[in-house]
N, C-alpha and C. Protein backbone atom coordinates (compact mmCIF):
# COMPACT_ATOMS: atom_id res chain seq x y z
N MET A 1 -19.83 0.59 10.98
CA MET A 1 -18.43 0.79 11.31
C MET A 1 -18.18 2.30 11.40
N SER A 2 -17.48 2.71 12.42
CA SER A 2 -17.27 4.14 12.62
C SER A 2 -16.14 4.65 11.72
N ILE A 3 -16.12 5.95 11.51
CA ILE A 3 -15.06 6.58 10.70
C ILE A 3 -13.71 6.35 11.35
N ASP A 4 -13.64 6.40 12.67
CA ASP A 4 -12.37 6.18 13.36
C ASP A 4 -11.81 4.79 13.07
N VAL A 5 -12.68 3.78 13.08
CA VAL A 5 -12.25 2.41 12.80
C VAL A 5 -11.76 2.29 11.36
N ILE A 6 -12.49 2.90 10.43
CA ILE A 6 -12.10 2.84 9.02
C ILE A 6 -10.76 3.54 8.82
N ASP A 7 -10.60 4.73 9.39
CA ASP A 7 -9.34 5.46 9.24
C ASP A 7 -8.18 4.69 9.85
N ARG A 8 -8.39 4.09 11.01
CA ARG A 8 -7.32 3.33 11.66
C ARG A 8 -6.97 2.11 10.82
N SER A 9 -7.98 1.44 10.26
CA SER A 9 -7.74 0.26 9.43
C SER A 9 -6.92 0.63 8.19
N ARG A 10 -7.25 1.74 7.56
CA ARG A 10 -6.50 2.17 6.38
C ARG A 10 -5.08 2.55 6.76
N ALA A 11 -4.92 3.20 7.90
CA ALA A 11 -3.57 3.57 8.36
C ALA A 11 -2.75 2.32 8.67
N GLU A 12 -3.39 1.31 9.28
CA GLU A 12 -2.69 0.06 9.56
C GLU A 12 -2.30 -0.65 8.27
N LEU A 13 -3.18 -0.66 7.28
CA LEU A 13 -2.86 -1.27 6.00
C LEU A 13 -1.70 -0.53 5.34
N ALA A 14 -1.72 0.78 5.38
CA ALA A 14 -0.61 1.56 4.82
C ALA A 14 0.70 1.21 5.52
N GLY A 15 0.64 1.05 6.84
CA GLY A 15 1.84 0.68 7.60
C GLY A 15 2.36 -0.69 7.20
N VAL A 16 1.47 -1.65 7.02
CA VAL A 16 1.88 -2.99 6.59
C VAL A 16 2.52 -2.93 5.21
N LEU A 17 1.89 -2.21 4.29
CA LEU A 17 2.45 -2.10 2.94
C LEU A 17 3.83 -1.44 2.97
N GLU A 18 3.99 -0.40 3.78
CA GLU A 18 5.29 0.28 3.89
C GLU A 18 6.35 -0.68 4.42
N LYS A 19 5.99 -1.52 5.40
CA LYS A 19 6.94 -2.49 5.94
C LYS A 19 7.34 -3.51 4.89
N LEU A 20 6.36 -3.98 4.11
CA LEU A 20 6.68 -4.92 3.04
C LEU A 20 7.58 -4.28 1.99
N LEU A 21 7.30 -3.02 1.66
CA LEU A 21 8.12 -2.33 0.67
C LEU A 21 9.54 -2.11 1.17
N ASP A 22 9.71 -1.95 2.48
CA ASP A 22 11.05 -1.82 3.04
C ASP A 22 11.88 -3.08 2.82
N LEU A 23 11.22 -4.21 2.63
CA LEU A 23 11.92 -5.47 2.38
C LEU A 23 12.36 -5.60 0.92
N LEU A 24 11.80 -4.77 0.06
CA LEU A 24 12.09 -4.85 -1.37
C LEU A 24 13.02 -3.72 -1.79
N PRO A 25 14.24 -4.07 -2.19
CA PRO A 25 15.18 -3.01 -2.58
C PRO A 25 14.71 -2.28 -3.83
N THR A 26 15.07 -1.03 -3.93
CA THR A 26 14.74 -0.22 -5.10
C THR A 26 15.81 0.83 -5.27
N GLU A 27 15.99 1.28 -6.50
CA GLU A 27 16.95 2.33 -6.78
C GLU A 27 16.33 3.71 -6.60
N PHE A 28 15.02 3.77 -6.47
CA PHE A 28 14.33 5.05 -6.50
C PHE A 28 13.57 5.30 -5.21
N ARG A 29 13.34 6.55 -4.92
CA ARG A 29 12.51 6.97 -3.79
C ARG A 29 11.61 8.10 -4.27
N GLY A 30 10.51 8.28 -3.59
CA GLY A 30 9.61 9.37 -3.96
C GLY A 30 8.67 8.98 -5.07
N ARG A 31 7.97 9.98 -5.59
CA ARG A 31 6.95 9.74 -6.62
C ARG A 31 7.51 10.01 -8.01
N GLY A 32 8.37 9.12 -8.47
CA GLY A 32 8.93 9.25 -9.80
C GLY A 32 7.90 8.95 -10.88
N PRO A 33 8.29 9.13 -12.13
CA PRO A 33 7.33 8.95 -13.23
C PRO A 33 6.85 7.51 -13.38
N ASP A 34 7.63 6.53 -12.92
CA ASP A 34 7.23 5.12 -13.05
C ASP A 34 6.64 4.55 -11.77
N ALA A 35 6.50 5.37 -10.73
CA ALA A 35 5.97 4.89 -9.46
C ALA A 35 4.45 4.74 -9.54
N THR A 36 3.95 3.80 -8.75
CA THR A 36 2.51 3.61 -8.60
C THR A 36 2.14 4.12 -7.22
N VAL A 37 1.14 4.96 -7.14
CA VAL A 37 0.69 5.47 -5.86
C VAL A 37 -0.63 4.79 -5.52
N LEU A 38 -0.62 4.04 -4.42
CA LEU A 38 -1.82 3.37 -3.95
C LEU A 38 -2.53 4.30 -2.97
N HIS A 39 -3.66 4.82 -3.38
CA HIS A 39 -4.46 5.69 -2.51
C HIS A 39 -5.47 4.84 -1.77
N LEU A 40 -5.37 4.81 -0.46
CA LEU A 40 -6.27 4.00 0.36
C LEU A 40 -7.47 4.84 0.77
N ASP A 41 -8.16 5.33 -0.24
CA ASP A 41 -9.32 6.20 -0.04
C ASP A 41 -10.57 5.36 0.15
N ASP A 42 -11.56 5.95 0.74
CA ASP A 42 -12.86 5.34 0.91
C ASP A 42 -13.87 6.24 0.20
N THR A 43 -14.65 5.67 -0.69
CA THR A 43 -15.57 6.49 -1.47
C THR A 43 -16.58 7.21 -0.61
N GLU A 44 -16.92 6.64 0.53
CA GLU A 44 -17.91 7.27 1.40
C GLU A 44 -17.29 8.29 2.35
N TYR A 45 -16.07 8.02 2.82
CA TYR A 45 -15.48 8.85 3.87
C TYR A 45 -14.34 9.74 3.40
N GLY A 46 -13.88 9.60 2.17
CA GLY A 46 -12.86 10.51 1.65
C GLY A 46 -11.46 9.94 1.63
N ALA A 47 -10.51 10.86 1.56
CA ALA A 47 -9.12 10.50 1.34
C ALA A 47 -8.53 9.78 2.55
N GLY A 48 -7.67 8.84 2.23
CA GLY A 48 -6.92 8.11 3.24
C GLY A 48 -5.44 8.23 2.93
N PRO A 49 -4.62 7.40 3.57
CA PRO A 49 -3.19 7.46 3.33
C PRO A 49 -2.85 6.97 1.92
N ALA A 50 -1.67 7.33 1.47
CA ALA A 50 -1.18 6.87 0.17
C ALA A 50 0.16 6.17 0.38
N VAL A 51 0.41 5.14 -0.43
CA VAL A 51 1.65 4.39 -0.37
C VAL A 51 2.27 4.43 -1.76
N VAL A 52 3.55 4.80 -1.84
CA VAL A 52 4.24 4.88 -3.12
C VAL A 52 5.00 3.58 -3.36
N VAL A 53 4.72 2.94 -4.50
CA VAL A 53 5.38 1.70 -4.88
C VAL A 53 6.19 1.99 -6.14
N GLN A 54 7.49 1.75 -6.07
CA GLN A 54 8.34 1.96 -7.24
C GLN A 54 8.08 0.85 -8.27
N ALA A 55 8.37 1.12 -9.53
CA ALA A 55 8.10 0.18 -10.61
C ALA A 55 8.79 -1.17 -10.37
N ASP A 56 10.01 -1.14 -9.83
CA ASP A 56 10.73 -2.39 -9.61
C ASP A 56 10.28 -3.13 -8.36
N GLN A 57 9.37 -2.53 -7.59
CA GLN A 57 8.83 -3.18 -6.40
C GLN A 57 7.44 -3.76 -6.62
N LEU A 58 6.78 -3.37 -7.69
CA LEU A 58 5.38 -3.72 -7.87
C LEU A 58 5.15 -5.22 -8.00
N ASP A 59 5.85 -5.89 -8.90
CA ASP A 59 5.67 -7.34 -9.07
C ASP A 59 6.03 -8.12 -7.80
N PRO A 60 7.18 -7.83 -7.16
CA PRO A 60 7.48 -8.55 -5.92
C PRO A 60 6.45 -8.29 -4.81
N LEU A 61 5.92 -7.07 -4.74
CA LEU A 61 4.91 -6.76 -3.73
C LEU A 61 3.64 -7.57 -3.98
N VAL A 62 3.21 -7.64 -5.22
CA VAL A 62 2.01 -8.42 -5.56
C VAL A 62 2.22 -9.89 -5.20
N ALA A 63 3.42 -10.42 -5.48
CA ALA A 63 3.72 -11.81 -5.14
C ALA A 63 3.68 -12.03 -3.63
N MET A 64 4.22 -11.08 -2.86
CA MET A 64 4.21 -11.20 -1.40
C MET A 64 2.77 -11.18 -0.88
N LEU A 65 1.96 -10.28 -1.42
CA LEU A 65 0.57 -10.19 -0.97
C LEU A 65 -0.20 -11.44 -1.34
N ALA A 66 0.08 -12.01 -2.51
CA ALA A 66 -0.60 -13.24 -2.92
C ALA A 66 -0.28 -14.39 -1.96
N GLU A 67 0.93 -14.42 -1.44
CA GLU A 67 1.30 -15.47 -0.48
C GLU A 67 0.61 -15.26 0.86
N LEU A 68 0.40 -14.00 1.24
CA LEU A 68 -0.19 -13.70 2.54
C LEU A 68 -1.71 -13.87 2.57
N LEU A 69 -2.35 -13.65 1.44
CA LEU A 69 -3.81 -13.70 1.41
C LEU A 69 -4.31 -15.13 1.21
N PRO A 70 -5.38 -15.49 1.90
CA PRO A 70 -5.91 -16.86 1.75
C PRO A 70 -6.57 -17.05 0.39
N ASP A 71 -6.54 -18.27 -0.07
CA ASP A 71 -7.21 -18.61 -1.34
C ASP A 71 -8.71 -18.68 -1.11
N HIS A 72 -9.47 -18.20 -2.10
CA HIS A 72 -10.93 -18.27 -2.00
C HIS A 72 -11.46 -18.94 -3.21
């Protein structure tokens, strides 16, 4: 897999996460002390995009992702 494909995939994932987070209301913006920052880095290729999830968005986001992902 080429670096371009990996970078595009991580950017697309970041975009999907940002869209899901837009559906979840929050009182906070930015990287506050209770925020979780998801770094979409690749150990082989380096840093990727980051997505900031507020504390009050984390549980609803996990529930949304669990519904979207197939059971294995």
